[in-house]
Protein backbone atom coordinates (compact mmCIF):
# COMPACT_ATOMS: atom_id res chain seq x y z
CA MET A 1 139.48 0.84 142.49
CA ASN A 2 142.70 2.86 142.50
CA PHE A 3 142.15 5.45 139.76
CA ASP A 4 145.66 6.85 140.14
CA TRP A 5 147.04 3.44 139.19
CA LEU A 6 144.64 3.25 136.22
CA ALA A 7 145.75 6.66 134.96
CA GLY A 8 149.40 5.62 135.14
CA GLU A 9 148.86 2.27 133.42
CA VAL A 10 146.42 3.34 130.69
CA ASP A 11 148.93 2.78 127.87
CA ASP A 12 149.78 -0.75 129.03
CA ILE A 13 146.10 -1.56 129.56
CA GLY A 14 145.30 -0.34 126.05
CA ASN A 15 148.09 -2.51 124.66
CA PHE A 16 146.82 -5.54 126.57
CA PHE A 17 143.28 -4.87 125.29
CA ALA A 18 144.46 -4.65 121.68
CA TRP A 19 146.36 -7.94 122.01
CA HIS A 20 143.32 -9.56 123.61
CA VAL A 21 141.11 -8.47 120.72
CA ALA A 22 143.54 -9.83 118.14
CA LEU A 23 144.09 -13.13 119.94
CA SER A 24 140.33 -13.60 120.34
CA VAL A 25 139.20 -12.64 116.83
CA ILE A 26 141.92 -13.97 114.49
CA PRO A 27 141.41 -17.64 115.52
CA VAL A 28 137.67 -17.29 114.91
CA LEU A 29 138.19 -15.95 111.40
CA VAL A 30 140.75 -18.64 110.51
CA ALA A 31 138.63 -21.41 112.02
CA LEU A 32 135.51 -20.22 110.17
CA VAL A 33 137.33 -20.36 106.82
CA LEU A 34 138.46 -23.91 107.62
CA ALA A 35 135.19 -25.06 109.20
CA VAL A 36 132.96 -24.27 106.21
CA PRO A 37 134.55 -26.78 103.79
CA ILE A 38 135.25 -29.31 106.56
CA GLY A 39 131.66 -29.07 107.82
CA TRP A 40 130.37 -29.58 104.29
CA LEU A 41 132.56 -32.66 103.83
CA VAL A 42 131.42 -34.09 107.16
CA LYS A 43 127.80 -33.54 106.13
CA GLN A 44 128.45 -35.52 102.95
CA SER A 45 130.15 -38.36 104.83
CA GLY A 46 126.97 -40.32 105.57
CA PHE A 47 127.37 -42.98 108.25
CA LEU A 48 130.83 -41.64 109.12
CA ARG A 49 129.37 -38.31 110.23
CA PRO A 50 128.94 -39.14 113.96
CA ALA A 51 132.46 -40.57 114.19
CA LEU A 52 134.02 -37.59 112.40
CA LEU A 53 132.14 -35.07 114.55
CA GLY A 54 133.12 -36.97 117.67
CA THR A 55 136.78 -36.93 116.63
CA VAL A 56 136.71 -33.19 115.92
CA GLY A 57 134.91 -32.59 119.21
CA LEU A 58 137.71 -34.30 121.11
CA LEU A 59 140.01 -31.40 120.15
CA TYR A 60 138.05 -29.21 122.57
CA THR A 61 138.87 -31.51 125.49
CA ILE A 62 142.63 -30.81 125.28
CA PRO A 63 143.60 -28.67 128.32
CA SER A 64 144.38 -25.18 127.07
CA LEU A 65 147.46 -24.61 129.23
CA ALA A 66 148.95 -27.93 128.09
CA LEU A 67 148.32 -26.98 124.47
CA PHE A 68 149.97 -23.58 124.94
CA VAL A 69 153.05 -25.32 126.34
CA LEU A 70 153.21 -28.14 123.77
CA LEU A 71 152.67 -26.08 120.62
CA PRO A 72 156.14 -24.44 120.69
CA LEU A 73 157.62 -27.94 120.44
CA VAL A 74 155.40 -28.74 117.45
CA LEU A 75 155.66 -25.38 115.66
CA GLY A 76 159.26 -24.61 116.53
CA THR A 77 158.26 -21.26 118.05
CA GLN A 78 159.28 -19.57 121.30
CA ILE A 79 157.09 -20.11 124.35
CA LEU A 80 156.10 -16.40 124.37
CA ASP A 81 155.22 -16.29 120.66
CA PRO A 82 151.56 -15.19 120.26
CA LEU A 83 151.33 -17.61 117.32
CA ASN A 84 151.04 -20.44 119.86
CA VAL A 85 147.90 -18.88 121.29
CA VAL A 86 146.44 -18.19 117.83
CA VAL A 87 146.97 -21.82 116.74
CA ALA A 88 145.60 -23.24 120.00
CA LEU A 89 142.46 -21.13 119.87
CA THR A 90 142.01 -21.90 116.19
CA VAL A 91 141.97 -25.60 117.11
CA TYR A 92 139.36 -25.03 119.82
CA THR A 93 137.22 -22.79 117.62
CA LEU A 94 137.42 -25.26 114.75
CA ALA A 95 136.18 -28.00 117.07
CA LEU A 96 133.10 -25.88 117.81
CA LEU A 97 132.42 -24.57 114.33
CA VAL A 98 132.72 -27.80 112.33
CA ARG A 99 129.70 -29.22 114.15
CA THR A 100 127.90 -25.88 113.88
CA VAL A 101 128.46 -25.63 110.12
CA CYS A 102 127.41 -29.24 109.65
CA ASP A 103 124.24 -28.73 111.70
CA GLY A 104 123.46 -25.52 109.83
CA LEU A 105 123.74 -27.23 106.46
CA GLU A 106 121.70 -30.18 107.71
CA ALA A 107 118.94 -27.75 108.70
CA VAL A 108 118.41 -26.67 105.09
CA SER A 109 115.19 -28.24 103.86
CA SER A 110 115.42 -30.94 101.21
CA ASP A 111 112.56 -29.19 99.39
CA VAL A 112 114.75 -26.09 99.07
CA LEU A 113 117.61 -28.17 97.69
CA GLN A 114 115.33 -29.84 95.17
CA ALA A 115 113.97 -26.46 94.10
CA ALA A 116 117.54 -25.19 93.64
CA ASN A 117 118.37 -28.24 91.53
CA ALA A 118 115.27 -27.66 89.43
CA MET A 119 116.41 -24.08 88.84
CA GLY A 120 119.66 -25.39 87.38
CA TYR A 121 122.08 -24.76 90.25
CA ARG A 122 125.16 -26.96 90.13
CA ARG A 123 126.54 -28.36 93.41
CA ILE A 124 129.09 -25.61 94.11
CA ALA A 125 126.78 -22.78 93.08
CA ARG A 126 123.96 -24.29 95.13
CA PHE A 127 126.23 -24.48 98.16
CA PHE A 128 127.33 -20.85 98.07
CA ARG A 129 124.06 -19.30 96.88
CA VAL A 130 121.49 -21.46 98.68
CA GLU A 131 122.81 -23.81 101.39
CA LEU A 132 125.40 -21.57 103.05
CA PRO A 133 123.17 -18.45 103.23
CA LEU A 134 120.37 -20.50 104.78
CA ALA A 135 122.81 -21.98 107.30
CA VAL A 136 123.99 -18.52 108.46
CA PRO A 137 121.62 -18.29 111.48
CA VAL A 138 122.96 -21.54 112.93
CA ILE A 139 126.57 -20.68 112.08
CA GLY A 140 126.11 -17.23 113.61
CA ALA A 141 124.89 -18.77 116.86
CA GLY A 142 128.00 -20.97 116.94
CA LEU A 143 130.24 -17.98 116.26
CA ARG A 144 128.75 -16.14 119.21
CA VAL A 145 129.67 -19.02 121.50
CA ALA A 146 133.14 -19.22 119.96
CA VAL A 147 134.06 -15.55 120.35
CA VAL A 148 132.88 -15.38 123.95
CA SER A 149 134.77 -18.60 124.78
CA ASN A 150 137.92 -17.24 123.17
CA VAL A 151 137.83 -14.05 125.21
CA SER A 152 137.86 -16.22 128.32
CA ILE A 153 140.46 -18.76 127.19
CA VAL A 154 142.91 -16.11 125.96
CA SER A 155 143.32 -14.95 129.56
CA ILE A 156 144.95 -18.27 130.46
CA ALA A 157 147.82 -17.45 128.12
CA ALA A 158 149.03 -14.94 130.71
CA LEU A 159 150.47 -17.91 132.60
CA ILE A 160 153.02 -18.40 129.79
CA GLY A 161 153.74 -14.68 129.46
CA THR A 162 151.68 -13.74 126.39
CA PRO A 163 150.56 -10.11 126.76
CA GLN A 164 146.80 -9.58 126.97
CA LEU A 165 144.21 -8.72 129.62
CA GLY A 166 145.04 -11.85 131.59
CA SER A 167 148.36 -10.17 132.39
CA LEU A 168 146.38 -7.85 134.67
CA PHE A 169 145.24 -10.87 136.68
CA THR A 170 148.75 -12.18 137.22
CA GLU A 171 150.00 -8.68 138.06
CA GLY A 172 147.25 -8.20 140.62
CA LEU A 173 147.97 -11.57 142.23
CA GLU A 174 151.70 -10.90 142.42
CA LEU A 175 151.17 -7.44 143.96
CA HIS A 176 148.17 -8.49 146.12
CA PHE A 177 146.40 -5.57 144.44
CA LEU A 178 142.76 -5.85 143.35
CA THR A 179 142.55 -2.94 140.91
CA PRO A 180 144.33 -4.73 138.00
CA ILE A 181 142.17 -7.82 138.58
CA PHE A 182 138.90 -5.86 138.56
CA THR A 183 140.08 -3.90 135.52
CA GLY A 184 140.87 -7.11 133.63
CA ILE A 185 137.51 -8.66 134.50
CA ILE A 186 135.55 -5.56 133.45
CA LEU A 187 137.40 -5.26 130.14
CA CYS A 188 137.06 -8.99 129.37
CA VAL A 189 133.32 -8.86 129.99
CA ALA A 190 133.00 -5.68 127.92
CA LEU A 191 134.96 -7.23 125.06
CA ALA A 192 132.87 -10.41 125.16
CA VAL A 193 129.65 -8.37 125.00
CA LEU A 194 131.04 -6.21 122.20
CA LEU A 195 132.13 -9.16 120.04
CA ASP A 196 128.91 -11.06 120.72
CA SER A 197 126.88 -8.02 119.65
CA LEU A 198 129.02 -7.57 116.54
CA VAL A 199 128.47 -11.19 115.45
CA LEU A 200 124.74 -10.80 116.11
CA ILE A 201 124.56 -7.63 114.00
CA ILE A 202 126.48 -9.22 111.12
CA THR A 203 124.27 -12.32 111.28
CA ARG A 204 121.14 -10.19 111.10
CA GLN A 205 122.54 -8.23 108.16
CA LEU A 206 123.19 -11.48 106.29
CA THR A 207 119.74 -12.89 107.06
CA GLY A 208 117.46 -10.06 106.03
CA TRP A 209 115.00 -12.65 104.82
CA GLN A 210 114.34 -13.85 108.39
CA PRO A 211 111.39 -12.39 110.32
CA ARG A 212 112.54 -10.24 113.27
CA THR A 213 111.31 -11.00 116.78
């Protein structure tokens, strides 16, 4: 590691890190807001559920680099616009979370739902006050996968010039210099661990009723 280079590039590295955080987290938040109602609708779809989940799952098979390149044509944005990366990662995260939300809601016991009905909960109130809270452990597990995946996928956007930690990889390759590459890897791993831990802490805070192991 060349610490002189690190000292000289600390501002740029900090900027790349901030962009990486934003590009990793914003798609997860947007996708979660979209996945909750979509997952509920898929759960209610009966025999169409496997087909709908399969269709949503296909979104995750789209090559990320191809999506980054095609989205400017669809959105009318510039190739370097970070919005392309946000939209692409929202699509991928949505593909993961719709199934997760659906599975979480499916895991709620029918006895619990019947008890909620007997207590006078209407459908919407039952969803927000009973079903969704009980589905949080499953949804939280899906969010942990999503945030870690996003930290990795965001790096690919360096190939189209979007600033984030992946830019350190391309810089290192162009200069045949390992320090930027090692720095990018260390920061990506640290960010993935940090975000995973944050989701885990939030999940535990929202599920105080669960026994701790």
